[in-house]
Structures are given as structure tokens and as C-alpha cells.
Amino acid sequence: MSLIVAARFDTFDAAQIAADALMKAGVAPDALHTFFVNPAGAHDRYPLGGDRAADPDSKGGPFGAVGGAAAIGVLGAVIGGVIAFAFGTSLVTIVGGAGVGAYIGSLIGAMSALGRARPRRSLAEAAEAKEKQGRASGVMLAVHTSAEHEMNIARILKEAGGTEVERAHGRWRDGKWEDFDPLTSPTLEKNV
């Protein structure tokens, strides 16, 4: 595994200014890799697109939707049946009114349950969510380096306007960070 120091920039021009500063400091051009990190959800890890099989913030949503649909659906069926009985005493009218009421009630119940705030996360869930939130979108400049030059490179990246200066271990081949994972949160340099 290679030691990689990287930072995020707002534009390719800003990253190029940092790359120029690094090359003036003696970093070889094949030790620099500039690339764009897509916004969350746009990494197309699945055939139909997206990054994850399920949205981590949707936890508990299906149960809330089913529960709301059932509760309000029953109430809607009763109200629909009563309204239909008021307009006619035919069994077909009453059952039809109850069915329409149940349908409308279940839609209202499901939608209102999905809009509710979710319960607060436990510390373990919050730590897991932070670990898997991934990186912010932007231009990344990655530098393949050695441990002795790590802090100097991190300082140059920071002074050139880089944010989220990070330290990583990965596969570096042919001037590129091959195993970069946009869904893994960076390990930020603390002394920069």
C-alpha cells in the first residue's frame, strides 16, 4: 500500500495551482493525480444508479408507512361506509364507499408517516453514519508520497487552498490512485 496525501479543491484551476506548488517543491508529476468526486448518490455503483442499496436515512420508513396506512385506512373505511350509507342503503354503495374511504385513508396515513422526523440516532449509529457518509463533491488532488514528506505536502495543499487534507493508504499505479473510494469518509490530517 502506498501513502497518499490528498485535498479537495473547488475548481480544477485551484487544484492545478496547488499541483504547480508541489512540483516546485520537488514532487514528480507522476506522483500527482487530479480527478473529480461526484456528489453523493451519483457514483453509479448499482445498475440503476446510486451508491447504496438503501438510503441510510430511510431506516424505519417502510414500517411507519404500513402502520400509518393501516390505522388511517381503517378510519377511512368507517367514514366512507357511513357517508355511503347516508346516500343510499344498498350494500354495494356502502361497500364501495368503505373501499374508497379505506384507499384514501391509507394514502393519507402512509404519506403522513413518511414525513415524520425519525428518532435520534444512538452513538454507535451516528458513528457508523459518519464513517459511511463519504466525501464531499469537488476536485481532488492526490499525492503519492513517503512518510518523511507527508507533513510538508499536507502543508502545501492546505496553503494552496485545499480543504479536508487527508492521509490514506491505497494502490498507486501509473500516476493514479486506483482504489479511491468516494463512499469512505476521509481520515483527515490533524496537524495541518
N, C-alpha and C. Protein backbone atom coordinates (compact mmCIF):
# COMPACT_ATOMS: atom_id res chain seq x y z
N MET A 1 0.83 -1.18 0.00
CA MET A 1 0.00 0.00 0.00
C MET A 1 0.88 1.25 0.00
N SER A 2 0.47 2.23 -0.75
CA SER A 2 1.20 3.48 -0.85
C SER A 2 0.60 4.52 0.07
N LEU A 3 1.43 5.43 0.54
CA LEU A 3 0.96 6.56 1.35
C LEU A 3 0.50 7.65 0.39
N ILE A 4 -0.71 8.12 0.60
CA ILE A 4 -1.29 9.15 -0.26
C ILE A 4 -1.80 10.28 0.62
N VAL A 5 -1.45 11.51 0.24
CA VAL A 5 -1.97 12.70 0.90
C VAL A 5 -2.82 13.40 -0.15
N ALA A 6 -4.04 13.78 0.20
CA ALA A 6 -4.95 14.38 -0.77
C ALA A 6 -5.72 15.53 -0.14
N ALA A 7 -6.24 16.40 -0.99
CA ALA A 7 -7.07 17.52 -0.53
C ALA A 7 -8.13 17.79 -1.58
N ARG A 8 -9.22 18.41 -1.12
CA ARG A 8 -10.33 18.76 -2.02
C ARG A 8 -10.22 20.24 -2.37
N PHE A 9 -10.50 20.56 -3.63
CA PHE A 9 -10.48 21.93 -4.12
C PHE A 9 -11.81 22.22 -4.81
N ASP A 10 -12.13 23.51 -4.92
CA ASP A 10 -13.39 23.90 -5.55
C ASP A 10 -13.35 23.78 -7.07
N THR A 11 -12.18 24.03 -7.66
CA THR A 11 -12.08 24.02 -9.12
C THR A 11 -10.81 23.28 -9.55
N PHE A 12 -10.77 22.90 -10.83
CA PHE A 12 -9.57 22.29 -11.38
C PHE A 12 -8.43 23.31 -11.43
N ASP A 13 -8.76 24.57 -11.66
CA ASP A 13 -7.72 25.60 -11.69
C ASP A 13 -7.03 25.74 -10.33
N ALA A 14 -7.82 25.71 -9.25
CA ALA A 14 -7.24 25.79 -7.90
C ALA A 14 -6.36 24.56 -7.62
N ALA A 15 -6.81 23.40 -8.07
CA ALA A 15 -6.00 22.19 -7.88
C ALA A 15 -4.72 22.26 -8.70
N GLN A 16 -4.77 22.86 -9.88
CA GLN A 16 -3.56 22.99 -10.71
C GLN A 16 -2.56 23.94 -10.07
N ILE A 17 -3.03 25.00 -9.43
CA ILE A 17 -2.13 25.91 -8.71
C ILE A 17 -1.41 25.16 -7.60
N ALA A 18 -2.14 24.31 -6.87
CA ALA A 18 -1.53 23.50 -5.82
C ALA A 18 -0.55 22.50 -6.41
N ALA A 19 -0.90 21.90 -7.54
CA ALA A 19 0.00 20.94 -8.19
C ALA A 19 1.29 21.63 -8.63
N ASP A 20 1.17 22.85 -9.13
CA ASP A 20 2.36 23.60 -9.53
C ASP A 20 3.26 23.88 -8.33
N ALA A 21 2.64 24.24 -7.20
CA ALA A 21 3.41 24.49 -5.97
C ALA A 21 4.11 23.21 -5.50
N LEU A 22 3.43 22.08 -5.63
CA LEU A 22 4.03 20.81 -5.23
C LEU A 22 5.20 20.43 -6.14
N MET A 23 5.06 20.67 -7.45
CA MET A 23 6.15 20.35 -8.37
C MET A 23 7.35 21.26 -8.13
N LYS A 24 7.11 22.53 -7.77
CA LYS A 24 8.22 23.44 -7.42
C LYS A 24 8.93 22.95 -6.17
N ALA A 25 8.20 22.25 -5.29
CA ALA A 25 8.80 21.71 -4.06
C ALA A 25 9.48 20.36 -4.31
N GLY A 26 9.47 19.88 -5.55
CA GLY A 26 10.20 18.67 -5.86
C GLY A 26 9.36 17.42 -6.08
N VAL A 27 8.04 17.53 -6.08
CA VAL A 27 7.17 16.37 -6.30
C VAL A 27 7.12 16.09 -7.81
N ALA A 28 7.32 14.84 -8.18
CA ALA A 28 7.29 14.44 -9.59
C ALA A 28 5.86 14.50 -10.13
N PRO A 29 5.70 14.88 -11.40
CA PRO A 29 4.36 14.95 -11.98
C PRO A 29 3.58 13.62 -11.93
N ASP A 30 4.29 12.48 -12.03
CA ASP A 30 3.58 11.20 -11.99
C ASP A 30 3.18 10.80 -10.57
N ALA A 31 3.51 11.63 -9.59
CA ALA A 31 3.07 11.40 -8.21
C ALA A 31 1.83 12.23 -7.88
N LEU A 32 1.27 12.90 -8.90
CA LEU A 32 0.08 13.74 -8.71
C LEU A 32 -1.09 13.18 -9.52
N HIS A 33 -2.25 13.17 -8.92
CA HIS A 33 -3.46 12.69 -9.61
C HIS A 33 -4.60 13.65 -9.27
N THR A 34 -5.14 14.30 -10.29
CA THR A 34 -6.26 15.22 -10.12
C THR A 34 -7.50 14.60 -10.75
N PHE A 35 -8.60 14.57 -10.00
CA PHE A 35 -9.84 13.98 -10.50
C PHE A 35 -11.02 14.59 -9.78
N PHE A 36 -12.21 14.37 -10.32
CA PHE A 36 -13.44 14.95 -9.75
C PHE A 36 -14.21 13.88 -8.98
N VAL A 37 -14.69 14.25 -7.81
CA VAL A 37 -15.53 13.37 -6.99
C VAL A 37 -16.98 13.81 -7.20
N ASN A 38 -17.80 12.91 -7.69
CA ASN A 38 -19.21 13.23 -7.94
C ASN A 38 -19.95 13.46 -6.62
N PRO A 39 -21.09 14.16 -6.69
CA PRO A 39 -21.92 14.32 -5.49
C PRO A 39 -22.45 12.98 -5.00
N ALA A 40 -22.81 12.93 -3.73
CA ALA A 40 -23.36 11.70 -3.14
C ALA A 40 -24.55 11.22 -3.98
N GLY A 41 -24.59 9.92 -4.21
CA GLY A 41 -25.68 9.32 -4.96
C GLY A 41 -25.41 9.24 -6.45
N ALA A 42 -24.32 9.84 -6.93
CA ALA A 42 -24.05 9.87 -8.36
C ALA A 42 -22.83 9.06 -8.76
N HIS A 43 -22.52 8.01 -8.02
CA HIS A 43 -21.34 7.19 -8.32
C HIS A 43 -21.69 5.92 -9.09
N ASP A 44 -22.97 5.68 -9.32
CA ASP A 44 -23.44 4.56 -10.15
C ASP A 44 -22.82 3.22 -9.77
N ARG A 45 -22.93 2.86 -8.52
CA ARG A 45 -22.44 1.56 -8.07
C ARG A 45 -23.42 0.44 -8.39
N TYR A 46 -24.66 0.79 -8.70
CA TYR A 46 -25.70 -0.20 -9.00
C TYR A 46 -26.17 0.00 -10.44
N PRO A 47 -26.69 -1.05 -11.07
CA PRO A 47 -27.10 -0.95 -12.48
C PRO A 47 -28.11 0.17 -12.75
N LEU A 48 -28.97 0.44 -11.79
CA LEU A 48 -29.95 1.51 -11.99
C LEU A 48 -29.47 2.84 -11.43
N GLY A 49 -28.21 2.90 -11.01
CA GLY A 49 -27.64 4.13 -10.47
C GLY A 49 -27.63 4.13 -8.96
N GLY A 50 -27.01 5.14 -8.41
CA GLY A 50 -26.95 5.28 -6.96
C GLY A 50 -25.72 4.63 -6.36
N ASP A 51 -25.52 4.90 -5.06
CA ASP A 51 -24.33 4.44 -4.35
C ASP A 51 -24.62 3.30 -3.38
N ARG A 52 -25.83 3.25 -2.88
CA ARG A 52 -26.17 2.27 -1.84
C ARG A 52 -27.46 1.55 -2.21
N ALA A 53 -27.62 0.37 -1.62
CA ALA A 53 -28.84 -0.39 -1.88
C ALA A 53 -30.05 0.30 -1.27
N ALA A 54 -29.87 0.98 -0.14
CA ALA A 54 -30.97 1.68 0.53
C ALA A 54 -30.44 2.97 1.13
N ASP A 55 -31.26 3.97 1.16
CA ASP A 55 -30.91 5.25 1.77
C ASP A 55 -30.77 5.05 3.27
N PRO A 56 -29.61 5.40 3.87
CA PRO A 56 -29.44 5.19 5.30
C PRO A 56 -30.41 6.02 6.15
N ASP A 57 -30.92 7.11 5.61
CA ASP A 57 -31.86 7.93 6.36
C ASP A 57 -33.30 7.43 6.25
N SER A 58 -33.54 6.35 5.51
CA SER A 58 -34.90 5.83 5.37
C SER A 58 -35.20 4.72 6.38
N LYS A 59 -34.29 4.50 7.32
CA LYS A 59 -34.47 3.44 8.30
C LYS A 59 -35.80 3.62 9.05
N GLY A 60 -36.61 2.59 9.07
CA GLY A 60 -37.90 2.63 9.75
C GLY A 60 -39.03 3.19 8.90
N GLY A 61 -38.72 3.71 7.72
CA GLY A 61 -39.74 4.31 6.85
C GLY A 61 -40.82 3.33 6.42
N PRO A 62 -40.46 2.13 5.94
CA PRO A 62 -41.50 1.20 5.50
C PRO A 62 -42.47 0.80 6.60
N PHE A 63 -41.96 0.60 7.82
CA PHE A 63 -42.86 0.22 8.92
C PHE A 63 -43.80 1.36 9.28
N GLY A 64 -43.27 2.59 9.26
CA GLY A 64 -44.11 3.75 9.54
C GLY A 64 -45.18 3.94 8.49
N ALA A 65 -44.82 3.71 7.23
CA ALA A 65 -45.79 3.86 6.14
C ALA A 65 -46.88 2.81 6.23
N VAL A 66 -46.52 1.57 6.51
CA VAL A 66 -47.52 0.49 6.62
C VAL A 66 -48.42 0.73 7.83
N GLY A 67 -47.81 1.11 8.95
CA GLY A 67 -48.60 1.37 10.17
C GLY A 67 -49.57 2.53 9.97
N GLY A 68 -49.07 3.62 9.37
CA GLY A 68 -49.95 4.77 9.11
C GLY A 68 -51.05 4.43 8.13
N ALA A 69 -50.71 3.67 7.09
CA ALA A 69 -51.72 3.27 6.10
C ALA A 69 -52.79 2.40 6.73
N ALA A 70 -52.40 1.47 7.60
CA ALA A 70 -53.37 0.59 8.24
C ALA A 70 -54.28 1.37 9.18
N ALA A 71 -53.70 2.21 10.03
CA ALA A 71 -54.50 2.93 11.03
C ALA A 71 -55.48 3.90 10.38
N ILE A 72 -54.98 4.74 9.49
CA ILE A 72 -55.84 5.74 8.86
C ILE A 72 -56.74 5.07 7.82
N GLY A 73 -56.29 3.97 7.22
CA GLY A 73 -57.12 3.24 6.25
C GLY A 73 -58.38 2.68 6.89
N VAL A 74 -58.25 2.12 8.09
CA VAL A 74 -59.43 1.59 8.81
C VAL A 74 -60.40 2.73 9.13
N LEU A 75 -59.84 3.84 9.61
CA LEU A 75 -60.68 5.01 9.93
C LEU A 75 -61.37 5.52 8.66
N GLY A 76 -60.63 5.56 7.54
CA GLY A 76 -61.21 5.99 6.27
C GLY A 76 -62.32 5.06 5.80
N ALA A 77 -62.16 3.75 6.01
CA ALA A 77 -63.19 2.79 5.62
C ALA A 77 -64.48 3.02 6.40
N VAL A 78 -64.33 3.28 7.69
CA VAL A 78 -65.53 3.53 8.52
C VAL A 78 -66.22 4.81 8.08
N ILE A 79 -65.43 5.88 7.90
CA ILE A 79 -66.03 7.16 7.48
C ILE A 79 -66.65 7.03 6.10
N GLY A 80 -65.97 6.36 5.16
CA GLY A 80 -66.52 6.16 3.81
C GLY A 80 -67.80 5.35 3.84
N GLY A 81 -67.85 4.31 4.68
CA GLY A 81 -69.06 3.50 4.80
C GLY A 81 -70.22 4.29 5.36
N VAL A 82 -69.97 5.14 6.36
CA VAL A 82 -71.03 5.97 6.96
C VAL A 82 -71.55 6.98 5.94
N ILE A 83 -70.64 7.61 5.21
CA ILE A 83 -71.07 8.59 4.19
C ILE A 83 -71.88 7.89 3.10
N ALA A 84 -71.44 6.73 2.65
CA ALA A 84 -72.17 6.00 1.62
C ALA A 84 -73.55 5.57 2.13
N PHE A 85 -73.65 5.18 3.41
CA PHE A 85 -74.94 4.80 4.00
C PHE A 85 -75.90 5.98 4.01
N ALA A 86 -75.37 7.20 4.18
CA ALA A 86 -76.20 8.39 4.20
C ALA A 86 -76.83 8.66 2.83
N PHE A 87 -76.17 8.25 1.75
CA PHE A 87 -76.69 8.50 0.41
C PHE A 87 -77.50 7.33 -0.14
N GLY A 88 -77.39 6.18 0.45
CA GLY A 88 -78.15 5.04 -0.04
C GLY A 88 -77.94 3.85 0.87
N THR A 89 -78.92 2.97 0.91
CA THR A 89 -78.83 1.83 1.81
C THR A 89 -78.42 0.55 1.09
N SER A 90 -78.06 0.67 -0.17
CA SER A 90 -77.63 -0.51 -0.92
C SER A 90 -76.26 -0.98 -0.40
N LEU A 91 -76.13 -2.30 -0.30
CA LEU A 91 -74.89 -2.89 0.19
C LEU A 91 -73.73 -2.55 -0.73
N VAL A 92 -73.95 -2.50 -2.02
CA VAL A 92 -72.90 -2.17 -2.99
C VAL A 92 -72.40 -0.74 -2.75
N THR A 93 -73.30 0.19 -2.48
CA THR A 93 -72.94 1.59 -2.21
C THR A 93 -72.12 1.69 -0.93
N ILE A 94 -72.52 1.00 0.10
CA ILE A 94 -71.82 1.07 1.38
C ILE A 94 -70.41 0.45 1.26
N VAL A 95 -70.31 -0.70 0.61
CA VAL A 95 -69.00 -1.36 0.44
C VAL A 95 -68.11 -0.49 -0.46
N GLY A 96 -68.66 0.06 -1.51
CA GLY A 96 -67.89 0.95 -2.39
C GLY A 96 -67.39 2.18 -1.64
N GLY A 97 -68.26 2.77 -0.83
CA GLY A 97 -67.85 3.95 -0.04
C GLY A 97 -66.77 3.59 0.98
N ALA A 98 -66.92 2.42 1.61
CA ALA A 98 -65.91 1.97 2.57
C ALA A 98 -64.59 1.72 1.86
N GLY A 99 -64.62 1.14 0.66
CA GLY A 99 -63.39 0.88 -0.11
C GLY A 99 -62.69 2.16 -0.51
N VAL A 100 -63.47 3.14 -0.99
CA VAL A 100 -62.88 4.42 -1.37
C VAL A 100 -62.30 5.11 -0.13
N GLY A 101 -63.02 5.07 0.98
CA GLY A 101 -62.52 5.67 2.22
C GLY A 101 -61.25 5.00 2.71
N ALA A 102 -61.20 3.67 2.61
CA ALA A 102 -60.00 2.94 3.03
C ALA A 102 -58.82 3.30 2.15
N TYR A 103 -59.06 3.41 0.86
CA TYR A 103 -57.98 3.76 -0.08
C TYR A 103 -57.43 5.16 0.22
N ILE A 104 -58.32 6.12 0.32
CA ILE A 104 -57.88 7.50 0.60
C ILE A 104 -57.21 7.58 1.97
N GLY A 105 -57.78 6.91 2.95
CA GLY A 105 -57.19 6.92 4.29
C GLY A 105 -55.81 6.28 4.32
N SER A 106 -55.64 5.18 3.59
CA SER A 106 -54.33 4.53 3.58
C SER A 106 -53.28 5.41 2.90
N LEU A 107 -53.66 6.12 1.84
CA LEU A 107 -52.72 7.05 1.20
C LEU A 107 -52.32 8.17 2.16
N ILE A 108 -53.29 8.75 2.83
CA ILE A 108 -53.00 9.82 3.79
C ILE A 108 -52.13 9.30 4.93
N GLY A 109 -52.46 8.13 5.45
CA GLY A 109 -51.69 7.55 6.55
C GLY A 109 -50.26 7.25 6.18
N ALA A 110 -50.06 6.66 5.00
CA ALA A 110 -48.70 6.32 4.55
C ALA A 110 -47.88 7.57 4.33
N MET A 111 -48.43 8.56 3.68
CA MET A 111 -47.68 9.78 3.38
C MET A 111 -47.37 10.59 4.64
N SER A 112 -48.31 10.63 5.57
CA SER A 112 -48.05 11.40 6.79
C SER A 112 -47.01 10.71 7.66
N ALA A 113 -46.97 9.39 7.66
CA ALA A 113 -45.97 8.66 8.45
C ALA A 113 -44.58 8.83 7.86
N LEU A 114 -44.47 8.92 6.54
CA LEU A 114 -43.17 9.09 5.92
C LEU A 114 -42.59 10.48 6.16
N GLY A 115 -43.41 11.46 6.39
CA GLY A 115 -42.94 12.83 6.59
C GLY A 115 -42.49 13.14 8.00
N ARG A 116 -42.66 12.22 8.92
CA ARG A 116 -42.30 12.48 10.32
C ARG A 116 -40.81 12.42 10.53
N ALA A 117 -40.36 13.20 11.52
CA ALA A 117 -38.94 13.16 11.89
C ALA A 117 -38.61 11.79 12.47
N ARG A 118 -37.46 11.30 12.13
CA ARG A 118 -37.05 9.99 12.64
C ARG A 118 -36.45 10.16 14.04
N PRO A 119 -36.43 9.10 14.82
CA PRO A 119 -35.85 9.19 16.17
C PRO A 119 -34.35 9.45 16.08
N ARG A 120 -33.82 10.05 17.13
CA ARG A 120 -32.39 10.35 17.19
C ARG A 120 -31.58 9.05 17.11
N ARG A 121 -30.42 9.16 16.49
CA ARG A 121 -29.54 8.00 16.36
C ARG A 121 -28.78 7.75 17.65
N SER A 122 -28.47 6.50 17.89
CA SER A 122 -27.60 6.16 19.02
C SER A 122 -26.18 6.59 18.66
N LEU A 123 -25.30 6.60 19.63
CA LEU A 123 -23.91 6.99 19.35
C LEU A 123 -23.26 6.05 18.34
N ALA A 124 -23.56 4.77 18.45
CA ALA A 124 -22.99 3.79 17.51
C ALA A 124 -23.53 4.04 16.10
N GLU A 125 -24.83 4.32 15.97
CA GLU A 125 -25.41 4.59 14.65
C GLU A 125 -24.86 5.88 14.07
N ALA A 126 -24.68 6.90 14.90
CA ALA A 126 -24.13 8.17 14.43
C ALA A 126 -22.69 7.99 13.96
N ALA A 127 -21.89 7.20 14.68
CA ALA A 127 -20.50 6.95 14.28
C ALA A 127 -20.46 6.19 12.97
N GLU A 128 -21.34 5.19 12.81
CA GLU A 128 -21.38 4.42 11.57
C GLU A 128 -21.80 5.31 10.39
N ALA A 129 -22.79 6.18 10.60
CA ALA A 129 -23.25 7.08 9.54
C ALA A 129 -22.14 8.04 9.13
N LYS A 130 -21.39 8.55 10.10
CA LYS A 130 -20.29 9.47 9.78
C LYS A 130 -19.20 8.75 9.00
N GLU A 131 -18.91 7.51 9.38
CA GLU A 131 -17.89 6.72 8.70
C GLU A 131 -18.28 6.44 7.26
N LYS A 132 -19.58 6.28 7.00
CA LYS A 132 -20.04 5.91 5.66
C LYS A 132 -20.65 7.06 4.87
N GLN A 133 -20.53 8.29 5.38
CA GLN A 133 -21.15 9.40 4.67
C GLN A 133 -20.41 9.76 3.39
N GLY A 134 -19.16 9.34 3.31
CA GLY A 134 -18.39 9.57 2.09
C GLY A 134 -17.77 10.95 2.06
N ARG A 135 -17.29 11.30 0.90
CA ARG A 135 -16.59 12.57 0.71
C ARG A 135 -17.51 13.59 0.07
N ALA A 136 -17.20 14.84 0.30
CA ALA A 136 -17.93 15.92 -0.35
C ALA A 136 -17.52 15.98 -1.82
N SER A 137 -18.41 16.47 -2.64
CA SER A 137 -18.13 16.61 -4.06
C SER A 137 -17.08 17.69 -4.29
N GLY A 138 -16.25 17.51 -5.29
CA GLY A 138 -15.25 18.51 -5.63
C GLY A 138 -14.07 17.89 -6.34
N VAL A 139 -13.08 18.72 -6.62
CA VAL A 139 -11.87 18.29 -7.31
C VAL A 139 -10.87 17.80 -6.27
N MET A 140 -10.36 16.60 -6.45
CA MET A 140 -9.36 16.03 -5.54
C MET A 140 -8.00 16.09 -6.20
N LEU A 141 -7.01 16.46 -5.40
CA LEU A 141 -5.61 16.37 -5.81
C LEU A 141 -4.95 15.40 -4.86
N ALA A 142 -4.54 14.25 -5.38
CA ALA A 142 -3.90 13.22 -4.56
C ALA A 142 -2.41 13.19 -4.89
N VAL A 143 -1.61 12.98 -3.84
CA VAL A 143 -0.16 12.98 -3.99
C VAL A 143 0.39 11.68 -3.41
N HIS A 144 1.13 10.94 -4.24
CA HIS A 144 1.82 9.73 -3.78
C HIS A 144 3.12 10.19 -3.15
N THR A 145 3.33 9.86 -1.88
CA THR A 145 4.48 10.38 -1.17
C THR A 145 5.05 9.36 -0.20
N SER A 146 6.05 9.78 0.53
CA SER A 146 6.65 8.95 1.58
C SER A 146 6.34 9.60 2.92
N ALA A 147 6.52 8.86 3.99
CA ALA A 147 6.20 9.37 5.33
C ALA A 147 7.02 10.60 5.68
N GLU A 148 8.27 10.68 5.20
CA GLU A 148 9.12 11.82 5.55
C GLU A 148 8.66 13.12 4.91
N HIS A 149 7.95 13.05 3.78
CA HIS A 149 7.48 14.25 3.09
C HIS A 149 5.99 14.54 3.34
N GLU A 150 5.34 13.68 4.06
CA GLU A 150 3.89 13.76 4.25
C GLU A 150 3.44 15.12 4.80
N MET A 151 4.04 15.58 5.89
CA MET A 151 3.59 16.82 6.53
C MET A 151 3.85 18.03 5.64
N ASN A 152 4.96 18.05 4.92
CA ASN A 152 5.27 19.16 4.03
C ASN A 152 4.26 19.23 2.89
N ILE A 153 3.91 18.09 2.33
CA ILE A 153 2.92 18.06 1.25
C ILE A 153 1.55 18.48 1.76
N ALA A 154 1.19 18.01 2.95
CA ALA A 154 -0.10 18.41 3.54
C ALA A 154 -0.14 19.92 3.76
N ARG A 155 0.97 20.48 4.21
CA ARG A 155 1.04 21.94 4.45
C ARG A 155 0.89 22.70 3.14
N ILE A 156 1.57 22.25 2.07
CA ILE A 156 1.46 22.92 0.77
C ILE A 156 0.03 22.85 0.24
N LEU A 157 -0.61 21.69 0.37
CA LEU A 157 -2.01 21.55 -0.08
C LEU A 157 -2.91 22.51 0.68
N LYS A 158 -2.73 22.60 1.98
CA LYS A 158 -3.55 23.49 2.82
C LYS A 158 -3.31 24.96 2.45
N GLU A 159 -2.05 25.35 2.30
CA GLU A 159 -1.72 26.74 1.96
C GLU A 159 -2.23 27.11 0.57
N ALA A 160 -2.36 26.14 -0.32
CA ALA A 160 -2.85 26.40 -1.68
C ALA A 160 -4.38 26.44 -1.74
N GLY A 161 -5.04 26.30 -0.60
CA GLY A 161 -6.50 26.39 -0.57
C GLY A 161 -7.22 25.06 -0.49
N GLY A 162 -6.49 23.99 -0.30
CA GLY A 162 -7.11 22.68 -0.19
C GLY A 162 -7.87 22.54 1.13
N THR A 163 -9.00 21.88 1.07
CA THR A 163 -9.77 21.60 2.28
C THR A 163 -9.80 20.09 2.48
N GLU A 164 -10.12 19.68 3.67
CA GLU A 164 -10.18 18.26 4.01
C GLU A 164 -8.91 17.53 3.56
N VAL A 165 -7.76 18.05 4.02
CA VAL A 165 -6.49 17.40 3.71
C VAL A 165 -6.49 16.06 4.43
N GLU A 166 -6.27 14.99 3.68
CA GLU A 166 -6.38 13.65 4.25
C GLU A 166 -5.15 12.81 4.00
N ARG A 167 -5.03 11.79 4.81
CA ARG A 167 -3.96 10.80 4.71
C ARG A 167 -4.64 9.46 4.42
N ALA A 168 -4.12 8.76 3.42
CA ALA A 168 -4.73 7.47 3.06
C ALA A 168 -3.65 6.49 2.62
N HIS A 169 -4.01 5.24 2.66
CA HIS A 169 -3.17 4.18 2.12
C HIS A 169 -3.96 3.53 0.99
N GLY A 170 -3.33 3.41 -0.16
CA GLY A 170 -4.04 2.83 -1.29
C GLY A 170 -3.08 2.36 -2.36
N ARG A 171 -3.66 1.90 -3.47
CA ARG A 171 -2.86 1.43 -4.60
C ARG A 171 -2.61 2.60 -5.56
N TRP A 172 -1.35 2.87 -5.80
CA TRP A 172 -0.96 3.92 -6.73
C TRP A 172 -0.29 3.25 -7.93
N ARG A 173 -0.87 3.42 -9.11
CA ARG A 173 -0.30 2.80 -10.30
C ARG A 173 -0.45 3.74 -11.49
N ASP A 174 0.61 3.89 -12.24
CA ASP A 174 0.63 4.72 -13.45
C ASP A 174 0.13 6.14 -13.19
N GLY A 175 0.54 6.71 -12.07
CA GLY A 175 0.18 8.09 -11.75
C GLY A 175 -1.24 8.29 -11.30
N LYS A 176 -1.89 7.22 -10.82
CA LYS A 176 -3.30 7.34 -10.39
C LYS A 176 -3.54 6.59 -9.10
N TRP A 177 -4.46 7.11 -8.33
CA TRP A 177 -4.92 6.46 -7.10
C TRP A 177 -6.00 5.49 -7.53
N GLU A 178 -5.65 4.22 -7.68
CA GLU A 178 -6.54 3.23 -8.28
C GLU A 178 -7.73 2.83 -7.42
N ASP A 179 -7.52 2.67 -6.13
CA ASP A 179 -8.60 2.14 -5.29
C ASP A 179 -9.30 3.23 -4.47
N PHE A 180 -9.34 4.44 -5.01
CA PHE A 180 -10.05 5.53 -4.34
C PHE A 180 -11.52 5.17 -4.19
N ASP A 181 -12.07 5.36 -3.00
CA ASP A 181 -13.48 5.05 -2.74
C ASP A 181 -14.20 6.32 -2.28
N PRO A 182 -15.08 6.88 -3.11
CA PRO A 182 -15.77 8.12 -2.74
C PRO A 182 -16.77 7.94 -1.60
N LEU A 183 -17.11 6.69 -1.27
CA LEU A 183 -18.09 6.45 -0.21
C LEU A 183 -17.46 6.30 1.16
N THR A 184 -16.13 6.29 1.23
CA THR A 184 -15.43 6.18 2.51
C THR A 184 -15.05 7.58 2.98
N SER A 185 -15.39 7.89 4.21
CA SER A 185 -15.03 9.19 4.76
C SER A 185 -13.51 9.29 4.90
N PRO A 186 -12.96 10.47 4.60
CA PRO A 186 -11.50 10.62 4.68
C PRO A 186 -10.97 10.61 6.11
N THR A 187 -9.71 10.19 6.27
CA THR A 187 -9.01 10.31 7.54
C THR A 187 -8.21 11.61 7.45
N LEU A 188 -8.70 12.65 8.10
CA LEU A 188 -8.13 13.98 7.95
C LEU A 188 -6.81 14.11 8.70
N GLU A 189 -5.90 14.88 8.10
CA GLU A 189 -4.62 15.22 8.75
C GLU A 189 -4.94 16.18 9.89
N LYS A 190 -4.45 15.89 11.06
CA LYS A 190 -4.78 16.71 12.24
C LYS A 190 -3.79 17.84 12.47
N ASN A 191 -2.57 17.72 12.01
CA ASN A 191 -1.53 18.70 12.32
C ASN A 191 -1.31 19.70 11.19
N VAL A 192 -2.28 19.92 10.36
CA VAL A 192 -2.10 20.85 9.25
C VAL A 192 -2.82 22.13 9.55
